């Protein structure tokens, strides 16, 4: 089920992706019909533009600070904070500063 990750090894999720200047970097850890789990890093000022997901999307910020727009609401999340973005509701993600997050989408 898990891919791109060592099993039976202690790790920090934020260490699974590095920052790259001017980019959003992602590493998918799980992808199937029921769940998707991806770790992202955002350089400051980088974004994922407005889109909607086919499942509820739960983000947890691992490091730094990001801005999450869900419909007409704006949320600023820092390390350790979590937000659930509902299925089929347009949302966007923006790097207020360099930040890393875990995304889990359940279908």
PDB file of N, CA and C in Angstrom:
ATOM      1  N   UNK A   1       0.822  -1.192   0.000  1.00  0.00           N
ATOM      2  CA  UNK A   1       0.000   0.000   0.000  1.00  0.00           C
ATOM      3  C   UNK A   1       0.865   1.255   0.000  1.00  0.00           C
ATOM      4  N   UNK A   2       1.860   1.338   0.891  1.00  0.00           N
ATOM      5  CA  UNK A   2       2.741   2.505   0.914  1.00  0.00           C
ATOM      6  C   UNK A   2       3.813   2.361  -0.158  1.00  0.00           C
ATOM      7  N   UNK A   3       4.200   3.499  -0.730  1.00  0.00           N
ATOM      8  CA  UNK A   3       5.267   3.514  -1.717  1.00  0.00           C
ATOM      9  C   UNK A   3       6.159   4.725  -1.457  1.00  0.00           C
ATOM     10  N   UNK A   4       7.329   4.723  -2.036  1.00  0.00           N
ATOM     11  CA  UNK A   4       8.270   5.837  -1.915  1.00  0.00           C
ATOM     12  C   UNK A   4       8.668   6.145  -0.478  1.00  0.00           C
ATOM     13  N   UNK A   5       8.612   5.128   0.384  1.00  0.00           N
ATOM     14  CA  UNK A   5       8.920   5.342   1.792  1.00  0.00           C
ATOM     15  C   UNK A   5       9.456   4.037   2.389  1.00  0.00           C
ATOM     16  N   UNK A   6      10.408   4.174   3.289  1.00  0.00           N
ATOM     17  CA  UNK A   6      10.961   2.995   3.961  1.00  0.00           C
ATOM     18  C   UNK A   6       9.978   2.505   5.010  1.00  0.00           C
ATOM     19  N   UNK A   7       9.812   1.206   5.080  1.00  0.00           N
ATOM     20  CA  UNK A   7       8.935   0.619   6.085  1.00  0.00           C
ATOM     21  C   UNK A   7       9.762   0.162   7.282  1.00  0.00           C
ATOM     22  N   UNK A   8       9.132   0.067   8.409  1.00  0.00           N
ATOM     23  CA  UNK A   8       9.755  -0.379   9.647  1.00  0.00           C
ATOM     24  C   UNK A   8      10.973   0.473   9.977  1.00  0.00           C
ATOM     25  N   UNK A   9      10.814   1.798   9.751  1.00  0.00           N
ATOM     26  CA  UNK A   9      11.872   2.765  10.010  1.00  0.00           C
ATOM     27  C   UNK A   9      11.248   4.025  10.610  1.00  0.00           C
ATOM     28  N   UNK A  10      11.833   4.548  11.671  1.00  0.00           N
ATOM     29  CA  UNK A  10      11.364   5.821  12.223  1.00  0.00           C
ATOM     30  C   UNK A  10      11.745   6.936  11.270  1.00  0.00           C
ATOM     31  N   UNK A  11      10.824   7.888  11.089  1.00  0.00           N
ATOM     32  CA  UNK A  11      11.118   9.006  10.200  1.00  0.00           C
ATOM     33  C   UNK A  11      10.295  10.214  10.576  1.00  0.00           C
ATOM     34  N   UNK A  12      10.680  11.354  10.057  1.00  0.00           N
ATOM     35  CA  UNK A  12       9.922  12.590  10.166  1.00  0.00           C
ATOM     36  C   UNK A  12       9.341  12.883   8.797  1.00  0.00           C
ATOM     37  N   UNK A  13       8.022  13.002   8.711  1.00  0.00           N
ATOM     38  CA  UNK A  13       7.390  13.221   7.411  1.00  0.00           C
ATOM     39  C   UNK A  13       7.946  14.449   6.706  1.00  0.00           C
ATOM     40  N   UNK A  14       8.253  15.518   7.450  1.00  0.00           N
ATOM     41  CA  UNK A  14       8.753  16.745   6.819  1.00  0.00           C
ATOM     42  C   UNK A  14      10.104  16.531   6.135  1.00  0.00           C
ATOM     43  N   UNK A  15      10.822  15.477   6.485  1.00  0.00           N
ATOM     44  CA  UNK A  15      12.119  15.214   5.871  1.00  0.00           C
ATOM     45  C   UNK A  15      12.008  14.447   4.556  1.00  0.00           C
ATOM     46  N   UNK A  16      10.786  14.055   4.167  1.00  0.00           N
ATOM     47  CA  UNK A  16      10.611  13.253   2.953  1.00  0.00           C
ATOM     48  C   UNK A  16      10.646  14.078   1.675  1.00  0.00           C
ATOM     49  N   UNK A  17      10.472  15.394   1.788  1.00  0.00           N
ATOM     50  CA  UNK A  17      10.578  16.274   0.626  1.00  0.00           C
ATOM     51  C   UNK A  17      11.456  17.464   0.980  1.00  0.00           C
ATOM     52  N   UNK A  18      12.241  17.885   0.020  1.00  0.00           N
ATOM     53  CA  UNK A  18      13.111  19.047   0.196  1.00  0.00           C
ATOM     54  C   UNK A  18      12.472  20.256  -0.469  1.00  0.00           C
ATOM     55  N   UNK A  19      12.872  21.433  -0.045  1.00  0.00           N
ATOM     56  CA  UNK A  19      12.452  22.659  -0.720  1.00  0.00           C
ATOM     57  C   UNK A  19      13.231  22.812  -2.009  1.00  0.00           C
ATOM     58  N   UNK A  20      12.568  23.321  -3.040  1.00  0.00           N
ATOM     59  CA  UNK A  20      13.237  23.675  -4.281  1.00  0.00           C
ATOM     60  C   UNK A  20      12.785  25.071  -4.664  1.00  0.00           C
ATOM     61  N   UNK A  21      13.745  25.920  -4.974  1.00  0.00           N
ATOM     62  CA  UNK A  21      13.443  27.311  -5.275  1.00  0.00           C
ATOM     63  C   UNK A  21      12.423  27.423  -6.403  1.00  0.00           C
ATOM     64  N   UNK A  22      11.371  28.215  -6.145  1.00  0.00           N
ATOM     65  CA  UNK A  22      10.362  28.488  -7.159  1.00  0.00           C
ATOM     66  C   UNK A  22       9.454  27.324  -7.496  1.00  0.00           C
ATOM     67  N   UNK A  23       9.376  26.329  -6.601  1.00  0.00           N
ATOM     68  CA  UNK A  23       8.591  25.140  -6.931  1.00  0.00           C
ATOM     69  C   UNK A  23       7.757  24.628  -5.763  1.00  0.00           C
ATOM     70  N   UNK A  24       6.762  23.842  -6.135  1.00  0.00           N
ATOM     71  CA  UNK A  24       6.029  22.993  -5.203  1.00  0.00           C
ATOM     72  C   UNK A  24       6.522  21.578  -5.485  1.00  0.00           C
ATOM     73  N   UNK A  25       6.978  20.884  -4.458  1.00  0.00           N
ATOM     74  CA  UNK A  25       7.498  19.529  -4.601  1.00  0.00           C
ATOM     75  C   UNK A  25       6.557  18.585  -3.860  1.00  0.00           C
ATOM     76  N   UNK A  26       6.298  17.426  -4.450  1.00  0.00           N
ATOM     77  CA  UNK A  26       5.416  16.467  -3.781  1.00  0.00           C
ATOM     78  C   UNK A  26       5.978  15.062  -3.866  1.00  0.00           C
ATOM     79  N   UNK A  27       5.595  14.262  -2.875  1.00  0.00           N
ATOM     80  CA  UNK A  27       5.945  12.843  -2.858  1.00  0.00           C
ATOM     81  C   UNK A  27       4.707  12.083  -2.397  1.00  0.00           C
ATOM     82  N   UNK A  28       4.190  11.228  -3.268  1.00  0.00           N
ATOM     83  CA  UNK A  28       3.009  10.435  -2.946  1.00  0.00           C
ATOM     84  C   UNK A  28       3.426   9.198  -2.173  1.00  0.00           C
ATOM     85  N   UNK A  29       2.746   8.968  -1.043  1.00  0.00           N
ATOM     86  CA  UNK A  29       3.048   7.819  -0.193  1.00  0.00           C
ATOM     87  C   UNK A  29       2.003   6.719  -0.325  1.00  0.00           C
ATOM     88  N   UNK A  30       0.745   7.101  -0.606  1.00  0.00           N
ATOM     89  CA  UNK A  30      -0.335   6.133  -0.794  1.00  0.00           C
ATOM     90  C   UNK A  30      -1.259   6.676  -1.880  1.00  0.00           C
ATOM     91  N   UNK A  31      -1.698   5.816  -2.782  1.00  0.00           N
ATOM     92  CA  UNK A  31      -2.672   6.202  -3.799  1.00  0.00           C
ATOM     93  C   UNK A  31      -3.486   4.976  -4.171  1.00  0.00           C
ATOM     94  N   UNK A  32      -4.779   4.987  -3.805  1.00  0.00           N
ATOM     95  CA  UNK A  32      -5.672   3.914  -4.209  1.00  0.00           C
ATOM     96  C   UNK A  32      -7.093   4.461  -4.310  1.00  0.00           C
ATOM     97  N   UNK A  33      -8.083   3.601  -4.448  1.00  0.00           N
ATOM     98  CA  UNK A  33      -9.466   4.047  -4.631  1.00  0.00           C
ATOM     99  C   UNK A  33     -10.082   4.662  -3.376  1.00  0.00           C
ATOM    100  N   UNK A  34      -9.434   4.500  -2.226  1.00  0.00           N
ATOM    101  CA  UNK A  34     -10.014   4.938  -0.964  1.00  0.00           C
ATOM    102  C   UNK A  34      -9.291   6.107  -0.310  1.00  0.00           C
ATOM    103  N   UNK A  35      -7.987   6.181  -0.522  1.00  0.00           N
ATOM    104  CA  UNK A  35      -7.197   7.205   0.157  1.00  0.00           C
ATOM    105  C   UNK A  35      -5.966   7.577  -0.680  1.00  0.00           C
ATOM    106  N   UNK A  36      -5.571   8.824  -0.534  1.00  0.00           N
ATOM    107  CA  UNK A  36      -4.329   9.315  -1.126  1.00  0.00           C
ATOM    108  C   UNK A  36      -3.587  10.074  -0.037  1.00  0.00           C
ATOM    109  N   UNK A  37      -2.281   9.840   0.099  1.00  0.00           N
ATOM    110  CA  UNK A  37      -1.475  10.566   1.072  1.00  0.00           C
ATOM    111  C   UNK A  37      -0.231  11.087   0.367  1.00  0.00           C
ATOM    112  N   UNK A  38      -0.022  12.406   0.472  1.00  0.00           N
ATOM    113  CA  UNK A  38       1.087  13.050  -0.211  1.00  0.00           C
ATOM    114  C   UNK A  38       1.734  14.059   0.725  1.00  0.00           C
ATOM    115  N   UNK A  39       3.056  14.157   0.665  1.00  0.00           N
ATOM    116  CA  UNK A  39       3.809  15.167   1.409  1.00  0.00           C
ATOM    117  C   UNK A  39       4.234  16.231   0.397  1.00  0.00           C
ATOM    118  N   UNK A  40       4.045  17.506   0.747  1.00  0.00           N
ATOM    119  CA  UNK A  40       4.375  18.618  -0.137  1.00  0.00           C
ATOM    120  C   UNK A  40       5.352  19.566   0.533  1.00  0.00           C
ATOM    121  N   UNK A  41       6.195  20.215  -0.280  1.00  0.00           N
ATOM    122  CA  UNK A  41       6.935  21.388   0.165  1.00  0.00           C
ATOM    123  C   UNK A  41       6.630  22.517  -0.816  1.00  0.00           C
ATOM    124  N   UNK A  42       6.425  23.714  -0.275  1.00  0.00           N
ATOM    125  CA  UNK A  42       6.144  24.912  -1.060  1.00  0.00           C
ATOM    126  C   UNK A  42       7.240  25.926  -0.811  1.00  0.00           C
ATOM    127  N   UNK A  43       7.812  26.459  -1.863  1.00  0.00           N
ATOM    128  CA  UNK A  43       8.701  27.602  -1.697  1.00  0.00           C
ATOM    129  C   UNK A  43       7.824  28.818  -1.409  1.00  0.00           C
ATOM    130  N   UNK A  44       8.360  29.823  -0.768  1.00  0.00           N
ATOM    131  CA  UNK A  44       7.613  31.039  -0.476  1.00  0.00           C
ATOM    132  C   UNK A  44       7.045  31.604  -1.770  1.00  0.00           C
ATOM    133  N   UNK A  45       5.744  31.909  -1.759  1.00  0.00           N
ATOM    134  CA  UNK A  45       5.101  32.504  -2.921  1.00  0.00           C
ATOM    135  C   UNK A  45       4.581  31.511  -3.941  1.00  0.00           C
ATOM    136  N   UNK A  46       4.851  30.237  -3.744  1.00  0.00           N
ATOM    137  CA  UNK A  46       4.359  29.221  -4.689  1.00  0.00           C
ATOM    138  C   UNK A  46       2.967  28.765  -4.257  1.00  0.00           C
ATOM    139  N   UNK A  47       2.201  28.238  -5.219  1.00  0.00           N
ATOM    140  CA  UNK A  47       0.831  27.869  -4.900  1.00  0.00           C
ATOM    141  C   UNK A  47       0.318  26.722  -5.748  1.00  0.00           C
ATOM    142  N   UNK A  48      -0.752  26.131  -5.260  1.00  0.00           N
ATOM    143  CA  UNK A  48      -1.584  25.227  -6.044  1.00  0.00           C
ATOM    144  C   UNK A  48      -2.881  25.997  -6.241  1.00  0.00           C
ATOM    145  N   UNK A  49      -3.198  26.292  -7.492  1.00  0.00           N
ATOM    146  CA  UNK A  49      -4.347  27.145  -7.784  1.00  0.00           C
ATOM    147  C   UNK A  49      -5.661  26.460  -7.433  1.00  0.00           C
ATOM    148  N   UNK A  50      -6.719  27.231  -7.476  1.00  0.00           N
ATOM    149  CA  UNK A  50      -8.043  26.767  -7.073  1.00  0.00           C
ATOM    150  C   UNK A  50      -8.482  25.533  -7.853  1.00  0.00           C
ATOM    151  N   UNK A  51      -8.921  24.545  -7.109  1.00  0.00           N
ATOM    152  CA  UNK A  51      -9.412  23.292  -7.674  1.00  0.00           C
ATOM    153  C   UNK A  51     -10.329  22.638  -6.639  1.00  0.00           C
ATOM    154  N   UNK A  52     -10.998  21.566  -7.006  1.00  0.00           N
ATOM    155  CA  UNK A  52     -11.827  20.810  -6.070  1.00  0.00           C
ATOM    156  C   UNK A  52     -11.365  19.363  -6.093  1.00  0.00           C
ATOM    157  N   UNK A  53     -11.472  18.707  -4.954  1.00  0.00           N
ATOM    158  CA  UNK A  53     -11.055  17.309  -4.844  1.00  0.00           C
ATOM    159  C   UNK A  53     -12.287  16.411  -4.806  1.00  0.00           C
ATOM    160  N   UNK A  54     -12.112  15.173  -5.245  1.00  0.00           N
ATOM    161  CA  UNK A  54     -13.189  14.199  -5.264  1.00  0.00           C
ATOM    162  C   UNK A  54     -13.416  13.509  -3.937  1.00  0.00           C
ATOM    163  N   UNK A  55     -12.739  13.983  -2.897  1.00  0.00           N
ATOM    164  CA  UNK A  55     -12.901  13.441  -1.552  1.00  0.00           C
ATOM    165  C   UNK A  55     -12.575  14.527  -0.543  1.00  0.00           C
ATOM    166  N   UNK A  56     -12.858  14.267   0.725  1.00  0.00           N
ATOM    167  CA  UNK A  56     -12.478  15.216   1.774  1.00  0.00           C
ATOM    168  C   UNK A  56     -10.953  15.238   1.881  1.00  0.00           C
ATOM    169  N   UNK A  57     -10.384  16.439   1.900  1.00  0.00           N
ATOM    170  CA  UNK A  57      -8.932  16.603   1.933  1.00  0.00           C
ATOM    171  C   UNK A  57      -8.508  17.170   3.284  1.00  0.00           C
ATOM    172  N   UNK A  58      -7.707  16.416   4.024  1.00  0.00           N
ATOM    173  CA  UNK A  58      -7.203  16.857   5.319  1.00  0.00           C
ATOM    174  C   UNK A  58      -5.736  17.238   5.169  1.00  0.00           C
ATOM    175  N   UNK A  59      -5.417  18.499   5.499  1.00  0.00           N
ATOM    176  CA  UNK A  59      -4.023  18.941   5.448  1.00  0.00           C
ATOM    177  C   UNK A  59      -3.528  19.192   6.861  1.00  0.00           C
ATOM    178  N   UNK A  60      -2.276  18.796   7.099  1.00  0.00           N
ATOM    179  CA  UNK A  60      -1.599  19.094   8.356  1.00  0.00           C
ATOM    180  C   UNK A  60      -0.277  19.751   7.990  1.00  0.00           C
ATOM    181  N   UNK A  61      -0.058  20.953   8.501  1.00  0.00           N
ATOM    182  CA  UNK A  61       1.196  21.657   8.232  1.00  0.00           C
ATOM    183  C   UNK A  61       2.279  21.041   9.110  1.00  0.00           C
ATOM    184  N   UNK A  62       3.385  20.687   8.482  1.00  0.00           N
ATOM    185  CA  UNK A  62       4.509  20.040   9.168  1.00  0.00           C
ATOM    186  C   UNK A  62       5.599  21.028   9.544  1.00  0.00           C
ATOM    187  N   UNK A  63       5.684  22.138   8.784  1.00  0.00           N
ATOM    188  CA  UNK A  63       6.753  23.122   8.995  1.00  0.00           C
ATOM    189  C   UNK A  63       6.359  24.398   8.271  1.00  0.00           C
ATOM    190  N   UNK A  64       6.634  25.550   8.868  1.00  0.00           N
ATOM    191  CA  UNK A  64       6.365  26.822   8.213  1.00  0.00           C
ATOM    192  C   UNK A  64       4.915  27.245   8.316  1.00  0.00           C
ATOM    193  N   UNK A  65       4.466  28.055   7.321  1.00  0.00           N
ATOM    194  CA  UNK A  65       3.128  28.632   7.361  1.00  0.00           C
ATOM    195  C   UNK A  65       2.546  28.693   5.960  1.00  0.00           C
ATOM    196  N   UNK A  66       1.291  28.226   5.830  1.00  0.00           N
ATOM    197  CA  UNK A  66       0.604  28.260   4.545  1.00  0.00           C
ATOM    198  C   UNK A  66      -0.745  28.926   4.647  1.00  0.00           C
ATOM    199  N   UNK A  67      -1.216  29.400   3.496  1.00  0.00           N
ATOM    200  CA  UNK A  67      -2.554  30.007   3.423  1.00  0.00           C
ATOM    201  C   UNK A  67      -3.452  29.079   2.613  1.00  0.00           C
ATOM    202  N   UNK A  68      -4.598  28.752   3.177  1.00  0.00           N
ATOM    203  CA  UNK A  68      -5.541  27.834   2.553  1.00  0.00           C
ATOM    204  C   UNK A  68      -6.848  28.578   2.338  1.00  0.00           C
ATOM    205  N   UNK A  69      -7.278  28.653   1.099  1.00  0.00           N
ATOM    206  CA  UNK A  69      -8.547  29.286   0.774  1.00  0.00           C
ATOM    207  C   UNK A  69      -9.528  28.181   0.436  1.00  0.00           C
ATOM    208  N   UNK A  70     -10.644  28.135   1.162  1.00  0.00           N
ATOM    209  CA  UNK A  70     -11.683  27.124   0.959  1.00  0.00           C
ATOM    210  C   UNK A  70     -12.978  27.882   0.715  1.00  0.00           C
ATOM    211  N   UNK A  71     -13.479  27.800  -0.527  1.00  0.00           N
ATOM    212  CA  UNK A  71     -14.630  28.608  -0.932  1.00  0.00           C
ATOM    213  C   UNK A  71     -14.269  30.070  -0.665  1.00  0.00           C
ATOM    214  N   UNK A  72     -15.001  30.758   0.199  1.00  0.00           N
ATOM    215  CA  UNK A  72     -14.717  32.165   0.489  1.00  0.00           C
ATOM    216  C   UNK A  72     -13.969  32.374   1.800  1.00  0.00           C
ATOM    217  N   UNK A  73     -13.566  31.293   2.453  1.00  0.00           N
ATOM    218  CA  UNK A  73     -12.877  31.386   3.743  1.00  0.00           C
ATOM    219  C   UNK A  73     -11.372  31.230   3.563  1.00  0.00           C
ATOM    220  N   UNK A  74     -10.601  32.007   4.333  1.00  0.00           N
ATOM    221  CA  UNK A  74      -9.144  31.942   4.287  1.00  0.00           C
ATOM    222  C   UNK A  74      -8.635  31.512   5.662  1.00  0.00           C
ATOM    223  N   UNK A  75      -7.724  30.528   5.651  1.00  0.00           N
ATOM    224  CA  UNK A  75      -7.134  29.995   6.882  1.00  0.00           C
ATOM    225  C   UNK A  75      -5.622  30.074   6.775  1.00  0.00           C
ATOM    226  N   UNK A  76      -4.953  30.515   7.836  1.00  0.00           N
ATOM    227  CA  UNK A  76      -3.496  30.532   7.921  1.00  0.00           C
ATOM    228  C   UNK A  76      -3.103  29.454   8.918  1.00  0.00           C
ATOM    229  N   UNK A  77      -2.413  28.428   8.432  1.00  0.00           N
ATOM    230  CA  UNK A  77      -2.033  27.311   9.294  1.00  0.00           C
ATOM    231  C   UNK A  77      -0.528  27.280   9.483  1.00  0.00           C
ATOM    232  N   UNK A  78      -0.125  26.928  10.694  1.00  0.00           N
ATOM    233  CA  UNK A  78       1.287  26.764  11.044  1.00  0.00           C
ATOM    234  C   UNK A  78       1.523  25.323  11.461  1.00  0.00           C
ATOM    235  N   UNK A  79       2.787  24.990  11.677  1.00  0.00           N
ATOM    236  CA  UNK A  79       3.177  23.621  12.028  1.00  0.00           C
ATOM    237  C   UNK A  79       2.308  23.076  13.152  1.00  0.00           C
ATOM    238  N   UNK A  80       1.780  21.868  12.911  1.00  0.00           N
ATOM    239  CA  UNK A  80       0.959  21.180  13.899  1.00  0.00           C
ATOM    240  C   UNK A  80      -0.525  21.423  13.732  1.00  0.00           C
ATOM    241  N   UNK A  81      -0.917  22.365  12.873  1.00  0.00           N
ATOM    242  CA  UNK A  81      -2.333  22.656  12.687  1.00  0.00           C
ATOM    243  C   UNK A  81      -2.891  21.901  11.480  1.00  0.00           C
ATOM    244  N   UNK A  82      -4.182  21.549  11.576  1.00  0.00           N
ATOM    245  CA  UNK A  82      -4.854  20.727  10.572  1.00  0.00           C
ATOM    246  C   UNK A  82      -6.143  21.399  10.124  1.00  0.00           C
ATOM    247  N   UNK A  83      -6.479  21.207   8.859  1.00  0.00           N
ATOM    248  CA  UNK A  83      -7.711  21.728   8.276  1.00  0.00           C
ATOM    249  C   UNK A  83      -8.293  20.670   7.354  1.00  0.00           C
ATOM    250  N   UNK A  84      -9.619  20.518   7.373  1.00  0.00           N
ATOM    251  CA  UNK A  84     -10.276  19.611   6.431  1.00  0.00           C
ATOM    252  C   UNK A  84     -11.010  20.451   5.399  1.00  0.00           C
ATOM    253  N   UNK A  85     -10.682  20.201   4.141  1.00  0.00           N
ATOM    254  CA  UNK A  85     -11.311  20.888   3.021  1.00  0.00           C
ATOM    255  C   UNK A  85     -12.315  19.916   2.408  1.00  0.00           C
ATOM    256  N   UNK A  86     -13.619  20.234   2.474  1.00  0.00           N
ATOM    257  CA  UNK A  86     -14.650  19.283   2.058  1.00  0.00           C
ATOM    258  C   UNK A  86     -14.617  18.942   0.569  1.00  0.00           C
ATOM    259  N   UNK A  87     -15.046  17.745   0.287  1.00  0.00           N
ATOM    260  CA  UNK A  87     -15.185  17.228  -1.076  1.00  0.00           C
ATOM    261  C   UNK A  87     -15.976  18.219  -1.937  1.00  0.00           C
ATOM    262  N   UNK A  88     -15.508  18.412  -3.160  1.00  0.00           N
ATOM    263  CA  UNK A  88     -16.183  19.215  -4.187  1.00  0.00           C
ATOM    264  C   UNK A  88     -16.246  20.714  -3.884  1.00  0.00           C
ATOM    265  N   UNK A  89     -15.606  21.182  -2.827  1.00  0.00           N
ATOM    266  CA  UNK A  89     -15.568  22.614  -2.523  1.00  0.00           C
ATOM    267  C   UNK A  89     -14.233  23.173  -3.055  1.00  0.00           C
ATOM    268  N   UNK A  90     -14.272  24.205  -3.896  1.00  0.00           N
ATOM    269  CA  UNK A  90     -13.024  24.761  -4.437  1.00  0.00           C
ATOM    270  C   UNK A  90     -12.095  25.253  -3.330  1.00  0.00           C
ATOM    271  N   UNK A  91     -10.816  24.945  -3.497  1.00  0.00           N
ATOM    272  CA  UNK A  91      -9.818  25.377  -2.526  1.00  0.00           C
ATOM    273  C   UNK A  91      -8.483  25.612  -3.235  1.00  0.00           C
ATOM    274  N   UNK A  92      -7.612  26.377  -2.568  1.00  0.00           N
ATOM    275  CA  UNK A  92      -6.278  26.690  -3.088  1.00  0.00           C
ATOM    276  C   UNK A  92      -5.305  26.730  -1.916  1.00  0.00           C
ATOM    277  N   UNK A  93      -4.014  26.547  -2.235  1.00  0.00           N
ATOM    278  CA  UNK A  93      -2.967  26.537  -1.204  1.00  0.00           C
ATOM    279  C   UNK A  93      -1.846  27.467  -1.651  1.00  0.00           C
ATOM    280  N   UNK A  94      -1.347  28.303  -0.724  1.00  0.00           N
ATOM    281  CA  UNK A  94      -0.319  29.295  -1.046  1.00  0.00           C
ATOM    282  C   UNK A  94       0.741  29.315   0.041  1.00  0.00           C
ATOM    283  N   UNK A  95       1.991  29.387  -0.362  1.00  0.00           N
ATOM    284  CA  UNK A  95       3.105  29.443   0.582  1.00  0.00           C
ATOM    285  C   UNK A  95       3.340  30.853   1.093  1.00  0.00           C
ATOM    286  N   UNK A  96       2.804  31.166   2.263  1.00  0.00           N
ATOM    287  CA  UNK A  96       3.060  32.463   2.903  1.00  0.00           C
ATOM    288  C   UNK A  96       4.555  32.600   3.186  1.00  0.00           C
ATOM    289  N   UNK A  97       5.180  31.489   3.478  1.00  0.00           N
ATOM    290  CA  UNK A  97       6.626  31.339   3.630  1.00  0.00           C
ATOM    291  C   UNK A  97       6.898  29.912   3.181  1.00  0.00           C
ATOM    292  N   UNK A  98       8.134  29.502   3.181  1.00  0.00           N
ATOM    293  CA  UNK A  98       8.405  28.094   2.870  1.00  0.00           C
ATOM    294  C   UNK A  98       7.646  27.243   3.871  1.00  0.00           C
ATOM    295  N   UNK A  99       6.954  26.214   3.358  1.00  0.00           N
ATOM    296  CA  UNK A  99       6.277  25.339   4.297  1.00  0.00           C
ATOM    297  C   UNK A  99       6.096  23.950   3.699  1.00  0.00           C
ATOM    298  N   UNK A 100       5.870  23.003   4.618  1.00  0.00           N
ATOM    299  CA  UNK A 100       5.632  21.607   4.230  1.00  0.00           C
ATOM    300  C   UNK A 100       4.327  21.152   4.848  1.00  0.00           C
ATOM    301  N   UNK A 101       3.631  20.274   4.122  1.00  0.00           N
ATOM    302  CA  UNK A 101       2.364  19.776   4.630  1.00  0.00           C
ATOM    303  C   UNK A 101       2.152  18.325   4.214  1.00  0.00           C
ATOM    304  N   UNK A 102       1.309  17.656   4.987  1.00  0.00           N
ATOM    305  CA  UNK A 102       0.828  16.325   4.647  1.00  0.00           C
ATOM    306  C   UNK A 102      -0.607  16.487   4.188  1.00  0.00           C
ATOM    307  N   UNK A 103      -0.935  15.866   3.057  1.00  0.00           N
ATOM    308  CA  UNK A 103      -2.291  15.871   2.526  1.00  0.00           C
ATOM    309  C   UNK A 103      -2.822  14.449   2.518  1.00  0.00           C
ATOM    310  N   UNK A 104      -3.993  14.258   3.131  1.00  0.00           N
ATOM    311  CA  UNK A 104      -4.666  12.960   3.096  1.00  0.00           C
ATOM    312  C   UNK A 104      -6.055  13.210   2.521  1.00  0.00           C
ATOM    313  N   UNK A 105      -6.340  12.558   1.386  1.00  0.00           N
ATOM    314  CA  UNK A 105      -7.664  12.665   0.776  1.00  0.00           C
ATOM    315  C   UNK A 105      -8.350  11.321   0.922  1.00  0.00           C
ATOM    316  N   UNK A 106      -9.552  11.353   1.495  1.00  0.00           N
ATOM    317  CA  UNK A 106     -10.325  10.111   1.617  1.00  0.00           C
ATOM    318  C   UNK A 106     -11.512  10.196   0.676  1.00  0.00           C
ATOM    319  N   UNK A 107     -11.709   9.107  -0.083  1.00  0.00           N
ATOM    320  CA  UNK A 107     -12.753   9.088  -1.122  1.00  0.00           C
ATOM    321  C   UNK A 107     -13.957   8.271  -0.670  1.00  0.00           C
TER     322      UNK A 107
END
